Structures are given as C-alpha cells and as structure tokens.
N, C-alpha and C. Protein backbone atom coordinates (compact mmCIF):
# COMPACT_ATOMS: atom_id res chain seq x y z
N MET A 1 19.84 9.46 4.59
CA MET A 1 19.54 9.30 6.70
C MET A 1 18.10 8.45 6.25
N LEU A 2 16.99 8.81 5.18
CA LEU A 2 16.37 7.77 5.02
C LEU A 2 16.13 6.55 4.41
N VAL A 3 17.22 6.92 3.06
CA VAL A 3 18.23 5.48 2.66
C VAL A 3 18.45 4.51 3.79
N GLN A 4 19.18 5.07 4.41
CA GLN A 4 19.84 3.72 5.47
C GLN A 4 19.01 3.57 6.31
N GLY A 5 18.41 4.52 6.80
CA GLY A 5 17.07 3.75 7.76
C GLY A 5 16.10 2.79 6.93
N LEU A 6 16.10 2.70 5.82
CA LEU A 6 15.15 1.30 5.44
C LEU A 6 15.75 0.34 5.07
N ALA A 7 17.46 0.92 4.89
CA ALA A 7 18.23 -0.48 4.50
C ALA A 7 17.77 -1.20 5.78
N LYS A 8 17.81 -0.66 7.10
CA LYS A 8 17.85 -1.38 8.58
C LYS A 8 16.78 -2.10 8.52
N THR A 9 15.36 -2.02 7.44
CA THR A 9 14.24 -2.90 7.78
C THR A 9 14.05 -3.83 5.93
N GLU A 10 12.95 -4.40 6.13
CA GLU A 10 12.82 -5.00 5.06
C GLU A 10 12.09 -4.15 4.08
N PHE A 11 11.68 -2.77 4.27
CA PHE A 11 10.78 -2.27 3.40
C PHE A 11 11.21 -1.40 2.35
N SER A 12 10.61 -1.43 1.27
CA SER A 12 11.30 -0.41 0.29
C SER A 12 10.81 0.92 0.45
N MET A 13 11.13 1.81 -0.04
CA MET A 13 10.62 3.41 -0.13
C MET A 13 9.08 3.26 -0.76
N ARG A 14 8.84 2.43 -1.43
CA ARG A 14 7.44 2.59 -1.57
C ARG A 14 6.53 1.69 -0.79
N GLU A 15 6.71 0.95 0.04
CA GLU A 15 6.12 0.26 0.79
C GLU A 15 5.79 0.94 1.64
N TRP A 16 6.94 1.61 2.13
CA TRP A 16 6.78 2.61 3.67
C TRP A 16 6.10 4.01 2.96
N GLY A 17 6.53 4.60 1.37
CA GLY A 17 4.72 5.17 0.91
C GLY A 17 3.49 4.92 1.08
N ILE A 18 3.04 3.52 1.08
CA ILE A 18 1.52 2.93 1.63
C ILE A 18 1.33 2.79 2.67
N LEU A 19 2.39 2.62 3.83
CA LEU A 19 2.02 2.66 4.93
C LEU A 19 1.78 4.01 5.41
N VAL A 20 2.71 4.55 5.03
CA VAL A 20 2.38 6.54 5.69
C VAL A 20 1.00 6.88 5.41
N TYR A 21 0.71 6.32 3.54
CA TYR A 21 -0.15 7.30 3.12
C TYR A 21 -1.80 6.30 3.86
N LEU A 22 -1.58 5.03 4.12
CA LEU A 22 -2.68 4.78 4.98
C LEU A 22 -3.08 5.00 6.13
N GLU A 23 -1.65 5.54 6.92
CA GLU A 23 -1.67 5.81 8.32
C GLU A 23 -2.46 7.39 8.31
N GLN A 24 -1.92 8.21 7.43
CA GLN A 24 -2.59 9.29 7.33
C GLN A 24 -4.11 9.46 6.75
N HIS A 25 -4.66 8.75 5.99
CA HIS A 25 -6.04 8.52 5.07
C HIS A 25 -6.73 7.71 5.49
N GLY A 26 -6.14 6.97 6.47
CA GLY A 26 -7.17 5.86 6.72
C GLY A 26 -7.53 4.46 5.30
N GLN A 27 -7.79 4.72 4.39
CA GLN A 27 -7.81 3.47 3.61
C GLN A 27 -7.87 4.35 2.08
N ALA A 28 -7.18 3.77 0.92
CA ALA A 28 -7.17 3.69 0.04
C ALA A 28 -7.77 2.48 -1.37
N THR A 29 -7.78 2.97 -2.42
CA THR A 29 -8.03 2.11 -3.54
C THR A 29 -6.12 1.88 -3.92
N ALA A 30 -6.14 0.77 -4.53
CA ALA A 30 -4.74 0.72 -5.60
C ALA A 30 -4.54 1.68 -6.32
N SER A 31 -5.61 2.42 -7.15
CA SER A 31 -5.42 3.04 -8.31
C SER A 31 -5.31 4.52 -7.40
N GLU A 32 -5.60 4.78 -6.10
CA GLU A 32 -5.57 6.05 -5.93
C GLU A 32 -4.20 5.94 -5.25
N LEU A 33 -3.42 5.07 -4.52
CA LEU A 33 -1.94 4.74 -4.40
C LEU A 33 -1.12 4.99 -5.73
N ALA A 34 -1.33 4.58 -6.05
CA ALA A 34 -0.94 4.55 -7.57
C ALA A 34 -0.44 6.11 -7.80
N ASP A 35 -1.89 6.75 -7.97
CA ASP A 35 -1.64 7.82 -8.47
C ASP A 35 -0.60 8.76 -7.38
N VAL A 36 -1.14 8.53 -6.23
CA VAL A 36 -0.28 9.55 -5.39
C VAL A 36 1.01 9.22 -5.44
N LEU A 37 1.62 7.97 -5.49
CA LEU A 37 3.02 7.52 -5.60
C LEU A 37 3.29 7.57 -6.96
N MET A 38 2.42 7.75 -7.70
CA MET A 38 2.81 7.64 -9.29
C MET A 38 3.84 6.71 -9.79
N VAL A 39 3.03 5.45 -9.54
CA VAL A 39 3.27 3.92 -10.10
C VAL A 39 2.24 3.94 -10.47
N THR A 40 2.22 2.43 -11.30
CA THR A 40 1.53 1.74 -12.26
C THR A 40 0.65 1.09 -10.91
N ARG A 41 -0.54 0.46 -11.47
CA ARG A 41 -1.42 -0.55 -9.96
C ARG A 41 -0.64 -1.55 -9.85
N THR A 42 -0.11 -2.07 -10.73
CA THR A 42 0.38 -3.33 -11.06
C THR A 42 1.81 -3.47 -9.67
N LEU A 43 2.44 -1.99 -9.72
CA LEU A 43 3.38 -2.49 -8.70
C LEU A 43 3.02 -2.05 -6.97
N ILE A 44 1.94 -1.26 -7.41
CA ILE A 44 0.72 -1.04 -5.98
C ILE A 44 0.68 -2.53 -5.58
N SER A 45 -0.26 -3.32 -6.57
CA SER A 45 -0.44 -4.46 -6.23
C SER A 45 0.82 -5.10 -5.54
N ARG A 46 1.60 -5.27 -6.48
CA ARG A 46 2.63 -6.22 -5.69
C ARG A 46 3.47 -5.92 -4.41
N ASN A 47 3.72 -4.70 -3.96
CA ASN A 47 4.02 -4.32 -2.69
C ASN A 47 3.03 -4.30 -1.52
N THR A 48 1.85 -4.20 -2.13
CA THR A 48 0.82 -4.22 -1.33
C THR A 48 -0.08 -5.96 -0.09
N TRP A 49 0.28 -6.76 -1.44
CA TRP A 49 0.19 -8.08 -1.21
C TRP A 49 1.36 -8.30 -0.31
N ARG A 50 2.48 -8.29 -0.16
CA ARG A 50 3.81 -8.32 0.79
C ARG A 50 3.15 -7.68 2.17
N LEU A 51 2.78 -6.75 1.99
CA LEU A 51 2.24 -6.04 3.45
C LEU A 51 1.25 -6.53 3.82
N ILE A 52 0.22 -7.32 3.24
CA ILE A 52 -1.33 -7.59 3.48
C ILE A 52 -0.13 -9.17 4.40
N GLN A 53 0.57 -9.92 3.61
CA GLN A 53 1.13 -10.77 4.29
C GLN A 53 1.47 -11.09 5.34
N ASP A 54 2.32 -9.94 5.52
CA ASP A 54 2.99 -9.45 7.01
C ASP A 54 1.50 -9.26 7.99
N ASN A 55 0.88 -8.71 7.78
CA ASN A 55 -0.54 -8.58 8.63
C ASN A 55 -0.14 -6.89 8.77
N LEU A 56 0.52 -6.16 7.94
CA LEU A 56 0.44 -4.72 8.65
C LEU A 56 -0.49 -3.76 7.94
N ILE A 57 -1.58 -4.24 6.44
CA ILE A 57 -2.48 -3.81 6.02
C ILE A 57 -3.71 -4.62 5.87
N GLN A 58 -4.82 -4.59 5.26
CA GLN A 58 -6.01 -5.45 5.19
C GLN A 58 -6.72 -4.76 4.01
N SER A 59 -7.08 -5.85 3.45
CA SER A 59 -7.88 -5.66 2.08
C SER A 59 -9.43 -5.86 2.42
N GLN A 60 -10.70 -5.35 1.73
CA GLN A 60 -11.93 -5.17 2.14
C GLN A 60 -12.69 -5.12 0.90
N VAL A 61 -13.13 -6.10 0.11
CA VAL A 61 -13.38 -6.18 -0.93
C VAL A 61 -15.17 -5.28 -0.73
N ASN A 62 -15.78 -4.52 -1.41
CA ASN A 62 -16.86 -3.92 -1.48
C ASN A 62 -18.04 -4.31 -1.61
N PRO A 63 -18.74 -4.97 -0.94
CA PRO A 63 -19.81 -6.16 -1.08
C PRO A 63 -21.07 -5.61 -1.81
N ASN A 64 -20.97 -4.50 -2.40
CA ASN A 64 -21.85 -3.72 -3.70
C ASN A 64 -21.09 -3.65 -4.68
N ASP A 65 -20.10 -3.87 -5.17
CA ASP A 65 -18.79 -3.65 -6.53
C ASP A 65 -18.10 -4.49 -5.85
N ARG A 66 -17.92 -5.99 -6.54
CA ARG A 66 -16.64 -6.85 -6.14
C ARG A 66 -15.29 -5.88 -6.93
N ARG A 67 -15.71 -4.89 -7.74
CA ARG A 67 -13.76 -4.52 -8.48
C ARG A 67 -13.65 -3.76 -7.52
N ILE A 68 -14.37 -2.97 -6.33
CA ILE A 68 -13.62 -2.18 -5.83
C ILE A 68 -12.76 -2.68 -4.19
N VAL A 69 -12.13 -2.66 -4.14
CA VAL A 69 -11.30 -3.18 -2.86
C VAL A 69 -10.27 -1.85 -2.05
N ARG A 70 -10.65 -1.89 -1.10
CA ARG A 70 -10.31 -0.56 -0.11
C ARG A 70 -8.86 -1.44 0.55
N LEU A 71 -7.92 -0.64 0.73
CA LEU A 71 -6.96 -1.36 1.62
C LEU A 71 -7.04 0.07 3.35
N LEU A 72 -6.60 -0.66 3.59
CA LEU A 72 -7.25 -0.65 5.33
C LEU A 72 -5.19 -0.44 5.88
C-alpha cells in the first residue's frame, strides 16, 4: 500500500524517510540521516539536494564550523 501511494508521487521511499525524520526531529546532519536510514552520505546528499531544490527542506551552514550543515 505504501509503495503504491509513493508511486503516485515523485518521491522515493528514502526521500519520504528524510522528510519524516526531519518532521519528527526538526533537524539533522547528512551523517545523522545516513546512520538512521542505513545508507551512505552520498545517497543522502543526492536525495536532499532534490528536496532542497523543491523547497521542501533547507540547509543551514554552521557559522562557527562551515563543515557542519544542518538540514531543516
């Protein structure tokens, strides 16, 4: 049923997982999402890029450490 519902959207299960996690937790890093969803950071980056482009999530660089990017 879930897969059929996702087929009607253009989101993958991983993208839905990212959206649900961020909705429940407010924010996360790519590393945190990769750990939770048990995938590589590269896959998370690909999926979050699309969500950012669609204005569904935002990225925020830590001003004190530009290596840390929070996804909101």
